[in-house]
Amino acid sequence: MKKVLIVDDDKQIRNFLNDILKISGYEVECASDGEEAFKLLQCKKFDLLITDNKMPKMDGLELIKNIKKKNIDIKIIVVSGEEIEKSFTELGILEFFRKPLKYKYLLKSLERLAQSE
């Protein structure tokens, strides 16, 4: 079973994604901001990360930069209500979704990433 970490400061989105992914067979944990997520990533192994971009304490871009610095091996999807910054593609992040989410496309992307190991 693939382990997914969901990071979003919007509790409704976290809960929605948590429910959809669990129903789809993923093991899921959630964090409310990048700082909390980074702490989890340093002590637990996850296969996939779904992160919002704009969050308090540590945004998605800073979270991904910290993940790269620590060489944490994880596949990443960025979700944002705004345009995705060029900085993400420069970090090698190729999976993006705009809010409001179309969860069927997100699930297909997760399946593709999970199988690409």
PDB file of N, CA and C in Angstrom:
ATOM      1  N   MET A   1       0.851  -1.185   0.000  1.00  0.00           N
ATOM      2  CA  MET A   1       0.000   0.000   0.000  1.00  0.00           C
ATOM      3  C   MET A   1       0.896   1.248   0.000  1.00  0.00           C
ATOM      4  N   LYS A   2       0.619   2.166  -0.883  1.00  0.00           N
ATOM      5  CA  LYS A   2       1.396   3.399  -0.988  1.00  0.00           C
ATOM      6  C   LYS A   2       0.985   4.380   0.096  1.00  0.00           C
ATOM      7  N   LYS A   3       1.998   5.023   0.687  1.00  0.00           N
ATOM      8  CA  LYS A   3       1.748   6.007   1.738  1.00  0.00           C
ATOM      9  C   LYS A   3       1.814   7.419   1.152  1.00  0.00           C
ATOM     10  N   VAL A   4       0.778   8.211   1.418  1.00  0.00           N
ATOM     11  CA  VAL A   4       0.668   9.563   0.883  1.00  0.00           C
ATOM     12  C   VAL A   4       0.590  10.558   2.035  1.00  0.00           C
ATOM     13  N   LEU A   5       1.334  11.659   1.885  1.00  0.00           N
ATOM     14  CA  LEU A   5       1.247  12.772   2.824  1.00  0.00           C
ATOM     15  C   LEU A   5       0.544  13.918   2.110  1.00  0.00           C
ATOM     16  N   ILE A   6      -0.552  14.381   2.691  1.00  0.00           N
ATOM     17  CA  ILE A   6      -1.315  15.513   2.161  1.00  0.00           C
ATOM     18  C   ILE A   6      -0.990  16.734   3.007  1.00  0.00           C
ATOM     19  N   VAL A   7      -0.632  17.845   2.338  1.00  0.00           N
ATOM     20  CA  VAL A   7      -0.294  19.078   3.055  1.00  0.00           C
ATOM     21  C   VAL A   7      -1.143  20.207   2.500  1.00  0.00           C
ATOM     22  N   ASP A   8      -2.026  20.739   3.337  1.00  0.00           N
ATOM     23  CA  ASP A   8      -2.868  21.863   2.927  1.00  0.00           C
ATOM     24  C   ASP A   8      -3.370  22.557   4.184  1.00  0.00           C
ATOM     25  N   ASP A   9      -3.365  23.883   4.166  1.00  0.00           N
ATOM     26  CA  ASP A   9      -3.841  24.619   5.331  1.00  0.00           C
ATOM     27  C   ASP A   9      -5.367  24.679   5.387  1.00  0.00           C
ATOM     28  N   ASP A  10      -6.047  24.274   4.321  1.00  0.00           N
ATOM     29  CA  ASP A  10      -7.504  24.239   4.275  1.00  0.00           C
ATOM     30  C   ASP A  10      -7.979  22.870   4.759  1.00  0.00           C
ATOM     31  N   LYS A  11      -8.602  22.858   5.935  1.00  0.00           N
ATOM     32  CA  LYS A  11      -9.017  21.600   6.560  1.00  0.00           C
ATOM     33  C   LYS A  11     -10.005  20.823   5.696  1.00  0.00           C
ATOM     34  N   GLN A  12     -10.908  21.518   5.009  1.00  0.00           N
ATOM     35  CA  GLN A  12     -11.891  20.832   4.157  1.00  0.00           C
ATOM     36  C   GLN A  12     -11.202  20.092   3.009  1.00  0.00           C
ATOM     37  N   ILE A  13     -10.211  20.723   2.406  1.00  0.00           N
ATOM     38  CA  ILE A  13      -9.477  20.071   1.311  1.00  0.00           C
ATOM     39  C   ILE A  13      -8.699  18.874   1.836  1.00  0.00           C
ATOM     40  N   ARG A  14      -8.027  19.054   2.989  1.00  0.00           N
ATOM     41  CA  ARG A  14      -7.295  17.926   3.597  1.00  0.00           C
ATOM     42  C   ARG A  14      -8.231  16.746   3.843  1.00  0.00           C
ATOM     43  N   ASN A  15      -9.368  17.021   4.453  1.00  0.00           N
ATOM     44  CA  ASN A  15     -10.310  15.947   4.776  1.00  0.00           C
ATOM     45  C   ASN A  15     -10.866  15.286   3.515  1.00  0.00           C
ATOM     46  N   PHE A  16     -11.187  16.096   2.508  1.00  0.00           N
ATOM     47  CA  PHE A  16     -11.703  15.571   1.242  1.00  0.00           C
ATOM     48  C   PHE A  16     -10.677  14.640   0.600  1.00  0.00           C
ATOM     49  N   LEU A  17      -9.438  15.112   0.461  1.00  0.00           N
ATOM     50  CA  LEU A  17      -8.380  14.292  -0.142  1.00  0.00           C
ATOM     51  C   LEU A  17      -8.106  13.044   0.685  1.00  0.00           C
ATOM     52  N   ASN A  18      -8.089  13.196   1.999  1.00  0.00           N
ATOM     53  CA  ASN A  18      -7.877  12.063   2.895  1.00  0.00           C
ATOM     54  C   ASN A  18      -8.923  10.984   2.631  1.00  0.00           C
ATOM     55  N   ASP A  19     -10.185  11.372   2.576  1.00  0.00           N
ATOM     56  CA  ASP A  19     -11.265  10.406   2.368  1.00  0.00           C
ATOM     57  C   ASP A  19     -11.164   9.737   0.995  1.00  0.00           C
ATOM     58  N   ILE A  20     -10.953  10.531  -0.051  1.00  0.00           N
ATOM     59  CA  ILE A  20     -10.881  10.003  -1.419  1.00  0.00           C
ATOM     60  C   ILE A  20      -9.707   9.018  -1.552  1.00  0.00           C
ATOM     61  N   LEU A  21      -8.552   9.391  -0.996  1.00  0.00           N
ATOM     62  CA  LEU A  21      -7.376   8.536  -1.140  1.00  0.00           C
ATOM     63  C   LEU A  21      -7.499   7.247  -0.318  1.00  0.00           C
ATOM     64  N   LYS A  22      -8.067   7.341   0.869  1.00  0.00           N
ATOM     65  CA  LYS A  22      -8.260   6.125   1.672  1.00  0.00           C
ATOM     66  C   LYS A  22      -9.219   5.163   0.978  1.00  0.00           C
ATOM     67  N   ILE A  23     -10.303   5.692   0.418  1.00  0.00           N
ATOM     68  CA  ILE A  23     -11.255   4.864  -0.317  1.00  0.00           C
ATOM     69  C   ILE A  23     -10.562   4.201  -1.508  1.00  0.00           C
ATOM     70  N   SER A  24      -9.589   4.901  -2.086  1.00  0.00           N
ATOM     71  CA  SER A  24      -8.867   4.400  -3.258  1.00  0.00           C
ATOM     72  C   SER A  24      -7.718   3.465  -2.893  1.00  0.00           C
ATOM     73  N   GLY A  25      -7.532   3.197  -1.597  1.00  0.00           N
ATOM     74  CA  GLY A  25      -6.559   2.201  -1.180  1.00  0.00           C
ATOM     75  C   GLY A  25      -5.201   2.724  -0.738  1.00  0.00           C
ATOM     76  N   TYR A  26      -5.084   4.028  -0.550  1.00  0.00           N
ATOM     77  CA  TYR A  26      -3.818   4.596  -0.084  1.00  0.00           C
ATOM     78  C   TYR A  26      -3.821   4.724   1.433  1.00  0.00           C
ATOM     79  N   GLU A  27      -2.641   4.642   2.022  1.00  0.00           N
ATOM     80  CA  GLU A  27      -2.459   4.944   3.434  1.00  0.00           C
ATOM     81  C   GLU A  27      -2.127   6.432   3.492  1.00  0.00           C
ATOM     82  N   VAL A  28      -2.853   7.203   4.302  1.00  0.00           N
ATOM     83  CA  VAL A  28      -2.772   8.660   4.242  1.00  0.00           C
ATOM     84  C   VAL A  28      -2.488   9.277   5.604  1.00  0.00           C
ATOM     85  N   GLU A  29      -1.623  10.292   5.598  1.00  0.00           N
ATOM     86  CA  GLU A  29      -1.449  11.175   6.754  1.00  0.00           C
ATOM     87  C   GLU A  29      -1.575  12.592   6.237  1.00  0.00           C
ATOM     88  N   CYS A  30      -1.921  13.502   7.139  1.00  0.00           N
ATOM     89  CA  CYS A  30      -2.133  14.894   6.749  1.00  0.00           C
ATOM     90  C   CYS A  30      -1.321  15.841   7.624  1.00  0.00           C
ATOM     91  N   ALA A  31      -0.978  16.980   7.026  1.00  0.00           N
ATOM     92  CA  ALA A  31      -0.310  18.062   7.750  1.00  0.00           C
ATOM     93  C   ALA A  31      -0.965  19.377   7.316  1.00  0.00           C
ATOM     94  N   SER A  32      -0.993  20.339   8.235  1.00  0.00           N
ATOM     95  CA  SER A  32      -1.685  21.604   7.953  1.00  0.00           C
ATOM     96  C   SER A  32      -0.777  22.686   7.382  1.00  0.00           C
ATOM     97  N   ASP A  33       0.528  22.433   7.356  1.00  0.00           N
ATOM     98  CA  ASP A  33       1.457  23.390   6.747  1.00  0.00           C
ATOM     99  C   ASP A  33       2.775  22.692   6.430  1.00  0.00           C
ATOM    100  N   GLY A  34       3.633  23.384   5.704  1.00  0.00           N
ATOM    101  CA  GLY A  34       4.896  22.806   5.283  1.00  0.00           C
ATOM    102  C   GLY A  34       5.818  22.444   6.431  1.00  0.00           C
ATOM    103  N   GLU A  35       5.785  23.223   7.471  1.00  0.00           N
ATOM    104  CA  GLU A  35       6.647  22.963   8.626  1.00  0.00           C
ATOM    105  C   GLU A  35       6.292  21.628   9.277  1.00  0.00           C
ATOM    106  N   GLU A  36       5.006  21.409   9.495  1.00  0.00           N
ATOM    107  CA  GLU A  36       4.534  20.146  10.074  1.00  0.00           C
ATOM    108  C   GLU A  36       4.862  18.973   9.138  1.00  0.00           C
ATOM    109  N   ALA A  37       4.661  19.189   7.843  1.00  0.00           N
ATOM    110  CA  ALA A  37       4.943  18.148   6.859  1.00  0.00           C
ATOM    111  C   ALA A  37       6.426  17.776   6.845  1.00  0.00           C
ATOM    112  N   PHE A  38       7.294  18.771   6.902  1.00  0.00           N
ATOM    113  CA  PHE A  38       8.726  18.510   6.851  1.00  0.00           C
ATOM    114  C   PHE A  38       9.173  17.697   8.066  1.00  0.00           C
ATOM    115  N   LYS A  39       8.597  17.970   9.221  1.00  0.00           N
ATOM    116  CA  LYS A  39       8.908  17.178  10.417  1.00  0.00           C
ATOM    117  C   LYS A  39       8.488  15.722  10.216  1.00  0.00           C
ATOM    118  N   LEU A  40       7.302  15.514   9.648  1.00  0.00           N
ATOM    119  CA  LEU A  40       6.837  14.147   9.387  1.00  0.00           C
ATOM    120  C   LEU A  40       7.744  13.433   8.389  1.00  0.00           C
ATOM    121  N   LEU A  41       8.157  14.147   7.348  1.00  0.00           N
ATOM    122  CA  LEU A  41       8.995  13.555   6.302  1.00  0.00           C
ATOM    123  C   LEU A  41      10.374  13.143   6.810  1.00  0.00           C
ATOM    124  N   GLN A  42      10.823  13.771   7.881  1.00  0.00           N
ATOM    125  CA  GLN A  42      12.134  13.432   8.435  1.00  0.00           C
ATOM    126  C   GLN A  42      12.089  12.207   9.342  1.00  0.00           C
ATOM    127  N   CYS A  43      10.891  11.817   9.787  1.00  0.00           N
ATOM    128  CA  CYS A  43      10.825  10.672  10.692  1.00  0.00           C
ATOM    129  C   CYS A  43       9.987   9.508  10.151  1.00  0.00           C
ATOM    130  N   LYS A  44       9.288   9.721   9.021  1.00  0.00           N
ATOM    131  CA  LYS A  44       8.481   8.657   8.428  1.00  0.00           C
ATOM    132  C   LYS A  44       8.738   8.603   6.933  1.00  0.00           C
ATOM    133  N   LYS A  45       8.524   7.430   6.357  1.00  0.00           N
ATOM    134  CA  LYS A  45       8.713   7.227   4.919  1.00  0.00           C
ATOM    135  C   LYS A  45       7.362   7.324   4.215  1.00  0.00           C
ATOM    136  N   PHE A  46       7.292   8.203   3.213  1.00  0.00           N
ATOM    137  CA  PHE A  46       6.108   8.341   2.371  1.00  0.00           C
ATOM    138  C   PHE A  46       6.526   8.120   0.925  1.00  0.00           C
ATOM    139  N   ASP A  47       5.608   7.600   0.122  1.00  0.00           N
ATOM    140  CA  ASP A  47       5.873   7.389  -1.297  1.00  0.00           C
ATOM    141  C   ASP A  47       5.510   8.613  -2.129  1.00  0.00           C
ATOM    142  N   LEU A  48       4.434   9.288  -1.706  1.00  0.00           N
ATOM    143  CA  LEU A  48       3.898  10.397  -2.475  1.00  0.00           C
ATOM    144  C   LEU A  48       3.536  11.568  -1.570  1.00  0.00           C
ATOM    145  N   LEU A  49       3.690  12.777  -2.107  1.00  0.00           N
ATOM    146  CA  LEU A  49       3.353  14.009  -1.387  1.00  0.00           C
ATOM    147  C   LEU A  49       2.427  14.831  -2.260  1.00  0.00           C
ATOM    148  N   ILE A  50       1.314  15.268  -1.684  1.00  0.00           N
ATOM    149  CA  ILE A  50       0.437  16.228  -2.344  1.00  0.00           C
ATOM    150  C   ILE A  50       0.492  17.473  -1.479  1.00  0.00           C
ATOM    151  N   THR A  51       1.018  18.569  -2.027  1.00  0.00           N
ATOM    152  CA  THR A  51       1.158  19.777  -1.231  1.00  0.00           C
ATOM    153  C   THR A  51       0.524  20.990  -1.897  1.00  0.00           C
ATOM    154  N   ASP A  52      -0.117  21.787  -1.068  1.00  0.00           N
ATOM    155  CA  ASP A  52      -0.595  23.096  -1.493  1.00  0.00           C
ATOM    156  C   ASP A  52       0.629  23.988  -1.632  1.00  0.00           C
ATOM    157  N   ASN A  53       0.491  25.082  -2.336  1.00  0.00           N
ATOM    158  CA  ASN A  53       1.610  26.013  -2.456  1.00  0.00           C
ATOM    159  C   ASN A  53       1.549  27.083  -1.378  1.00  0.00           C
ATOM    160  N   LYS A  54       0.460  27.811  -1.312  1.00  0.00           N
ATOM    161  CA  LYS A  54       0.345  28.930  -0.366  1.00  0.00           C
ATOM    162  C   LYS A  54      -0.147  28.434   0.979  1.00  0.00           C
ATOM    163  N   MET A  55       0.760  28.457   1.975  1.00  0.00           N
ATOM    164  CA  MET A  55       0.424  28.026   3.334  1.00  0.00           C
ATOM    165  C   MET A  55       1.204  28.870   4.323  1.00  0.00           C
ATOM    166  N   PRO A  56       0.713  28.966   5.556  1.00  0.00           N
ATOM    167  CA  PRO A  56       1.468  29.683   6.583  1.00  0.00           C
ATOM    168  C   PRO A  56       2.692  28.884   7.033  1.00  0.00           C
ATOM    169  N   LYS A  57       3.577  29.521   7.712  1.00  0.00           N
ATOM    170  CA  LYS A  57       4.804  28.949   8.290  1.00  0.00           C
ATOM    171  C   LYS A  57       5.820  28.533   7.242  1.00  0.00           C
ATOM    172  N   MET A  58       5.466  27.592   6.357  1.00  0.00           N
ATOM    173  CA  MET A  58       6.356  27.159   5.279  1.00  0.00           C
ATOM    174  C   MET A  58       5.486  26.818   4.078  1.00  0.00           C
ATOM    175  N   ASP A  59       5.687  27.542   2.975  1.00  0.00           N
ATOM    176  CA  ASP A  59       4.870  27.284   1.792  1.00  0.00           C
ATOM    177  C   ASP A  59       5.371  26.052   1.037  1.00  0.00           C
ATOM    178  N   GLY A  60       4.643  25.679  -0.018  1.00  0.00           N
ATOM    179  CA  GLY A  60       4.981  24.486  -0.781  1.00  0.00           C
ATOM    180  C   GLY A  60       6.349  24.544  -1.423  1.00  0.00           C
ATOM    181  N   LEU A  61       6.713  25.699  -1.963  1.00  0.00           N
ATOM    182  CA  LEU A  61       8.019  25.836  -2.614  1.00  0.00           C
ATOM    183  C   LEU A  61       9.155  25.639  -1.616  1.00  0.00           C
ATOM    184  N   GLU A  62       9.042  26.258  -0.464  1.00  0.00           N
ATOM    185  CA  GLU A  62      10.072  26.101   0.572  1.00  0.00           C
ATOM    186  C   GLU A  62      10.132  24.653   1.067  1.00  0.00           C
ATOM    187  N   LEU A  63       8.970  24.026   1.215  1.00  0.00           N
ATOM    188  CA  LEU A  63       8.921  22.621   1.629  1.00  0.00           C
ATOM    189  C   LEU A  63       9.686  21.745   0.635  1.00  0.00           C
ATOM    190  N   ILE A  64       9.422  21.941  -0.654  1.00  0.00           N
ATOM    191  CA  ILE A  64      10.083  21.126  -1.675  1.00  0.00           C
ATOM    192  C   ILE A  64      11.589  21.397  -1.698  1.00  0.00           C
ATOM    193  N   LYS A  65      11.987  22.631  -1.538  1.00  0.00           N
ATOM    194  CA  LYS A  65      13.425  22.938  -1.480  1.00  0.00           C
ATOM    195  C   LYS A  65      14.079  22.216  -0.307  1.00  0.00           C
ATOM    196  N   ASN A  66      13.413  22.182   0.850  1.00  0.00           N
ATOM    197  CA  ASN A  66      13.948  21.478   2.019  1.00  0.00           C
ATOM    198  C   ASN A  66      14.005  19.968   1.782  1.00  0.00           C
ATOM    199  N   ILE A  67      13.008  19.429   1.104  1.00  0.00           N
ATOM    200  CA  ILE A  67      12.997  18.003   0.765  1.00  0.00           C
ATOM    201  C   ILE A  67      14.186  17.674  -0.125  1.00  0.00           C
ATOM    202  N   LYS A  68      14.437  18.517  -1.112  1.00  0.00           N
ATOM    203  CA  LYS A  68      15.557  18.298  -2.034  1.00  0.00           C
ATOM    204  C   LYS A  68      16.901  18.402  -1.304  1.00  0.00           C
ATOM    205  N   LYS A  69      17.028  19.385  -0.396  1.00  0.00           N
ATOM    206  CA  LYS A  69      18.279  19.545   0.368  1.00  0.00           C
ATOM    207  C   LYS A  69      18.591  18.314   1.204  1.00  0.00           C
ATOM    208  N   LYS A  70      17.540  17.698   1.771  1.00  0.00           N
ATOM    209  CA  LYS A  70      17.720  16.519   2.632  1.00  0.00           C
ATOM    210  C   LYS A  70      17.723  15.216   1.836  1.00  0.00           C
ATOM    211  N   ASN A  71      17.599  15.334   0.505  1.00  0.00           N
ATOM    212  CA  ASN A  71      17.578  14.153  -0.368  1.00  0.00           C
ATOM    213  C   ASN A  71      16.503  13.145   0.030  1.00  0.00           C
ATOM    214  N   ILE A  72      15.336  13.645   0.397  1.00  0.00           N
ATOM    215  CA  ILE A  72      14.217  12.770   0.740  1.00  0.00           C
ATOM    216  C   ILE A  72      13.608  12.276  -0.572  1.00  0.00           C
ATOM    217  N   ASP A  73      13.538  10.963  -0.710  1.00  0.00           N
ATOM    218  CA  ASP A  73      13.032  10.348  -1.937  1.00  0.00           C
ATOM    219  C   ASP A  73      11.510  10.249  -1.875  1.00  0.00           C
ATOM    220  N   ILE A  74      10.835  11.127  -2.611  1.00  0.00           N
ATOM    221  CA  ILE A  74       9.375  11.149  -2.616  1.00  0.00           C
ATOM    222  C   ILE A  74       8.902  11.775  -3.918  1.00  0.00           C
ATOM    223  N   LYS A  75       7.807  11.260  -4.442  1.00  0.00           N
ATOM    224  CA  LYS A  75       7.204  11.839  -5.639  1.00  0.00           C
ATOM    225  C   LYS A  75       6.231  12.929  -5.183  1.00  0.00           C
ATOM    226  N   ILE A  76       6.211  14.056  -5.914  1.00  0.00           N
ATOM    227  CA  ILE A  76       5.499  15.240  -5.437  1.00  0.00           C
ATOM    228  C   ILE A  76       4.489  15.750  -6.458  1.00  0.00           C
ATOM    229  N   ILE A  77       3.306  16.092  -5.944  1.00  0.00           N
ATOM    230  CA  ILE A  77       2.274  16.779  -6.719  1.00  0.00           C
ATOM    231  C   ILE A  77       1.983  18.097  -6.009  1.00  0.00           C
ATOM    232  N   VAL A  78       1.967  19.179  -6.768  1.00  0.00           N
ATOM    233  CA  VAL A  78       1.667  20.499  -6.209  1.00  0.00           C
ATOM    234  C   VAL A  78       0.252  20.896  -6.614  1.00  0.00           C
ATOM    235  N   VAL A  79      -0.503  21.396  -5.634  1.00  0.00           N
ATOM    236  CA  VAL A  79      -1.863  21.873  -5.851  1.00  0.00           C
ATOM    237  C   VAL A  79      -1.891  23.346  -5.464  1.00  0.00           C
ATOM    238  N   SER A  80      -2.534  24.163  -6.287  1.00  0.00           N
ATOM    239  CA  SER A  80      -2.569  25.588  -5.974  1.00  0.00           C
ATOM    240  C   SER A  80      -3.812  26.242  -6.549  1.00  0.00           C
ATOM    241  N   GLY A  81      -4.274  27.262  -5.880  1.00  0.00           N
ATOM    242  CA  GLY A  81      -5.370  28.068  -6.387  1.00  0.00           C
ATOM    243  C   GLY A  81      -4.865  29.134  -7.335  1.00  0.00           C
ATOM    244  N   GLU A  82      -3.570  29.258  -7.443  1.00  0.00           N
ATOM    245  CA  GLU A  82      -2.946  30.283  -8.281  1.00  0.00           C
ATOM    246  C   GLU A  82      -2.101  29.613  -9.361  1.00  0.00           C
ATOM    247  N   GLU A  83      -1.544  30.440 -10.225  1.00  0.00           N
ATOM    248  CA  GLU A  83      -0.648  29.912 -11.250  1.00  0.00           C
ATOM    249  C   GLU A  83       0.566  29.265 -10.581  1.00  0.00           C
ATOM    250  N   ILE A  84       1.030  28.187 -11.142  1.00  0.00           N
ATOM    251  CA  ILE A  84       2.196  27.491 -10.612  1.00  0.00           C
ATOM    252  C   ILE A  84       3.456  28.241 -11.037  1.00  0.00           C
ATOM    253  N   GLU A  85       4.306  28.439 -10.066  1.00  0.00           N
ATOM    254  CA  GLU A  85       5.543  29.171 -10.329  1.00  0.00           C
ATOM    255  C   GLU A  85       6.537  28.345 -11.143  1.00  0.00           C
ATOM    256  N   LYS A  86       7.312  29.018 -11.960  1.00  0.00           N
ATOM    257  CA  LYS A  86       8.361  28.371 -12.759  1.00  0.00           C
ATOM    258  C   LYS A  86       9.361  27.655 -11.843  1.00  0.00           C
ATOM    259  N   SER A  87       9.524  28.164 -10.625  1.00  0.00           N
ATOM    260  CA  SER A  87      10.471  27.587  -9.664  1.00  0.00           C
ATOM    261  C   SER A  87      10.199  26.108  -9.414  1.00  0.00           C
ATOM    262  N   PHE A  88       8.929  25.700  -9.466  1.00  0.00           N
ATOM    263  CA  PHE A  88       8.602  24.293  -9.227  1.00  0.00           C
ATOM    264  C   PHE A  88       9.158  23.402 -10.329  1.00  0.00           C
ATOM    265  N   THR A  89       8.997  23.822 -11.572  1.00  0.00           N
ATOM    266  CA  THR A  89       9.512  23.000 -12.671  1.00  0.00           C
ATOM    267  C   THR A  89      11.032  22.949 -12.639  1.00  0.00           C
ATOM    268  N   GLU A  90      11.655  24.023 -12.181  1.00  0.00           N
ATOM    269  CA  GLU A  90      13.113  24.028 -12.048  1.00  0.00           C
ATOM    270  C   GLU A  90      13.578  23.044 -10.980  1.00  0.00           C
ATOM    271  N   LEU A  91      12.700  22.727 -10.032  1.00  0.00           N
ATOM    272  CA  LEU A  91      13.010  21.743  -8.992  1.00  0.00           C
ATOM    273  C   LEU A  91      12.633  20.321  -9.425  1.00  0.00           C
ATOM    274  N   GLY A  92      12.128  20.193 -10.637  1.00  0.00           N
ATOM    275  CA  GLY A  92      11.794  18.865 -11.150  1.00  0.00           C
ATOM    276  C   GLY A  92      10.370  18.422 -10.869  1.00  0.00           C
ATOM    277  N   ILE A  93       9.525  19.321 -10.420  1.00  0.00           N
ATOM    278  CA  ILE A  93       8.132  18.977 -10.133  1.00  0.00           C
ATOM    279  C   ILE A  93       7.325  19.155 -11.411  1.00  0.00           C
ATOM    280  N   LEU A  94       6.745  18.068 -11.885  1.00  0.00           N
ATOM    281  CA  LEU A  94       6.035  18.099 -13.158  1.00  0.00           C
ATOM    282  C   LEU A  94       4.535  17.847 -13.024  1.00  0.00           C
ATOM    283  N   GLU A  95       4.084  17.532 -11.829  1.00  0.00           N
ATOM    284  CA  GLU A  95       2.667  17.255 -11.601  1.00  0.00           C
ATOM    285  C   GLU A  95       2.039  18.423 -10.848  1.00  0.00           C
ATOM    286  N   PHE A  96       1.099  19.104 -11.519  1.00  0.00           N
ATOM    287  CA  PHE A  96       0.431  20.266 -10.928  1.00  0.00           C
ATOM    288  C   PHE A  96      -1.073  20.156 -11.127  1.00  0.00           C
ATOM    289  N   PHE A  97      -1.809  20.652 -10.146  1.00  0.00           N
ATOM    290  CA  PHE A  97      -3.260  20.731 -10.249  1.00  0.00           C
ATOM    291  C   PHE A  97      -3.719  22.070  -9.706  1.00  0.00           C
ATOM    292  N   ARG A  98      -4.668  22.668 -10.396  1.00  0.00           N
ATOM    293  CA  ARG A  98      -5.258  23.926  -9.951  1.00  0.00           C
ATOM    294  C   ARG A  98      -6.512  23.630  -9.132  1.00  0.00           C
ATOM    295  N   LYS A  99      -6.736  24.437  -8.131  1.00  0.00           N
ATOM    296  CA  LYS A  99      -7.981  24.353  -7.370  1.00  0.00           C
ATOM    297  C   LYS A  99      -9.046  25.109  -8.154  1.00  0.00           C
ATOM    298  N   PRO A 100     -10.278  24.678  -8.163  1.00  0.00           N
ATOM    299  CA  PRO A 100     -10.802  23.498  -7.473  1.00  0.00           C
ATOM    300  C   PRO A 100     -10.324  22.205  -8.144  1.00  0.00           C
ATOM    301  N   LEU A 101     -10.050  21.224  -7.308  1.00  0.00           N
ATOM    302  CA  LEU A 101      -9.490  19.953  -7.773  1.00  0.00           C
ATOM    303  C   LEU A 101     -10.517  19.094  -8.498  1.00  0.00           C
ATOM    304  N   LYS A 102     -10.071  18.455  -9.534  1.00  0.00           N
ATOM    305  CA  LYS A 102     -10.847  17.409 -10.195  1.00  0.00           C
ATOM    306  C   LYS A 102     -10.195  16.103  -9.738  1.00  0.00           C
ATOM    307  N   TYR A 103     -10.766  15.516  -8.694  1.00  0.00           N
ATOM    308  CA  TYR A 103     -10.110  14.405  -8.010  1.00  0.00           C
ATOM    309  C   TYR A 103      -9.851  13.197  -8.907  1.00  0.00           C
ATOM    310  N   LYS A 104     -10.664  12.984  -9.940  1.00  0.00           N
ATOM    311  CA  LYS A 104     -10.420  11.831 -10.830  1.00  0.00           C
ATOM    312  C   LYS A 104      -9.070  11.964 -11.528  1.00  0.00           C
ATOM    313  N   TYR A 105      -8.725  13.187 -11.944  1.00  0.00           N
ATOM    314  CA  TYR A 105      -7.429  13.411 -12.594  1.00  0.00           C
ATOM    315  C   TYR A 105      -6.288  13.282 -11.589  1.00  0.00           C
ATOM    316  N   LEU A 106      -6.529  13.746 -10.383  1.00  0.00           N
ATOM    317  CA  LEU A 106      -5.525  13.624  -9.328  1.00  0.00           C
ATOM    318  C   LEU A 106      -5.249  12.153  -9.027  1.00  0.00           C
ATOM    319  N   LEU A 107      -6.295  11.337  -8.943  1.00  0.00           N
ATOM    320  CA  LEU A 107      -6.115   9.906  -8.680  1.00  0.00           C
ATOM    321  C   LEU A 107      -5.347   9.223  -9.806  1.00  0.00           C
ATOM    322  N   LYS A 108      -5.630   9.596 -11.043  1.00  0.00           N
ATOM    323  CA  LYS A 108      -4.892   9.021 -12.173  1.00  0.00           C
ATOM    324  C   LYS A 108      -3.415   9.393 -12.097  1.00  0.00           C
ATOM    325  N   SER A 109      -3.142  10.627 -11.720  1.00  0.00           N
ATOM    326  CA  SER A 109      -1.759  11.078 -11.580  1.00  0.00           C
ATOM    327  C   SER A 109      -1.058  10.319 -10.456  1.00  0.00           C
ATOM    328  N   LEU A 110      -1.738  10.130  -9.329  1.00  0.00           N
ATOM    329  CA  LEU A 110      -1.172   9.362  -8.213  1.00  0.00           C
ATOM    330  C   LEU A 110      -0.873   7.932  -8.630  1.00  0.00           C
ATOM    331  N   GLU A 111      -1.803   7.315  -9.342  1.00  0.00           N
ATOM    332  CA  GLU A 111      -1.588   5.941  -9.808  1.00  0.00           C
ATOM    333  C   GLU A 111      -0.368   5.859 -10.719  1.00  0.00           C
ATOM    334  N   ARG A 112      -0.261   6.813 -11.626  1.00  0.00           N
ATOM    335  CA  ARG A 112       0.878   6.825 -12.565  1.00  0.00           C
ATOM    336  C   ARG A 112       2.194   6.993 -11.802  1.00  0.00           C
ATOM    337  N   LEU A 113       2.228   7.921 -10.848  1.00  0.00           N
ATOM    338  CA  LEU A 113       3.445   8.121 -10.062  1.00  0.00           C
ATOM    339  C   LEU A 113       3.772   6.908  -9.208  1.00  0.00           C
ATOM    340  N   ALA A 114       2.772   6.302  -8.618  1.00  0.00           N
ATOM    341  CA  ALA A 114       2.987   5.138  -7.754  1.00  0.00           C
ATOM    342  C   ALA A 114       3.535   3.952  -8.554  1.00  0.00           C
ATOM    343  N   GLN A 115       3.137   3.840  -9.809  1.00  0.00           N
ATOM    344  CA  GLN A 115       3.599   2.729 -10.635  1.00  0.00           C
ATOM    345  C   GLN A 115       4.946   2.992 -11.282  1.00  0.00           C
ATOM    346  N   SER A 116       5.417   4.226 -11.220  1.00  0.00           N
ATOM    347  CA  SER A 116       6.669   4.560 -11.912  1.00  0.00           C
ATOM    348  C   SER A 116       7.919   4.267 -11.086  1.00  0.00           C
ATOM    349  N   GLU A 117       7.781   3.486 -10.064  1.00  0.00           N
ATOM    350  CA  GLU A 117       8.939   3.161  -9.213  1.00  0.00           C
ATOM    351  C   GLU A 117       9.689   1.970  -9.734  1.00  0.00           C
TER     352      GLU A 117
END
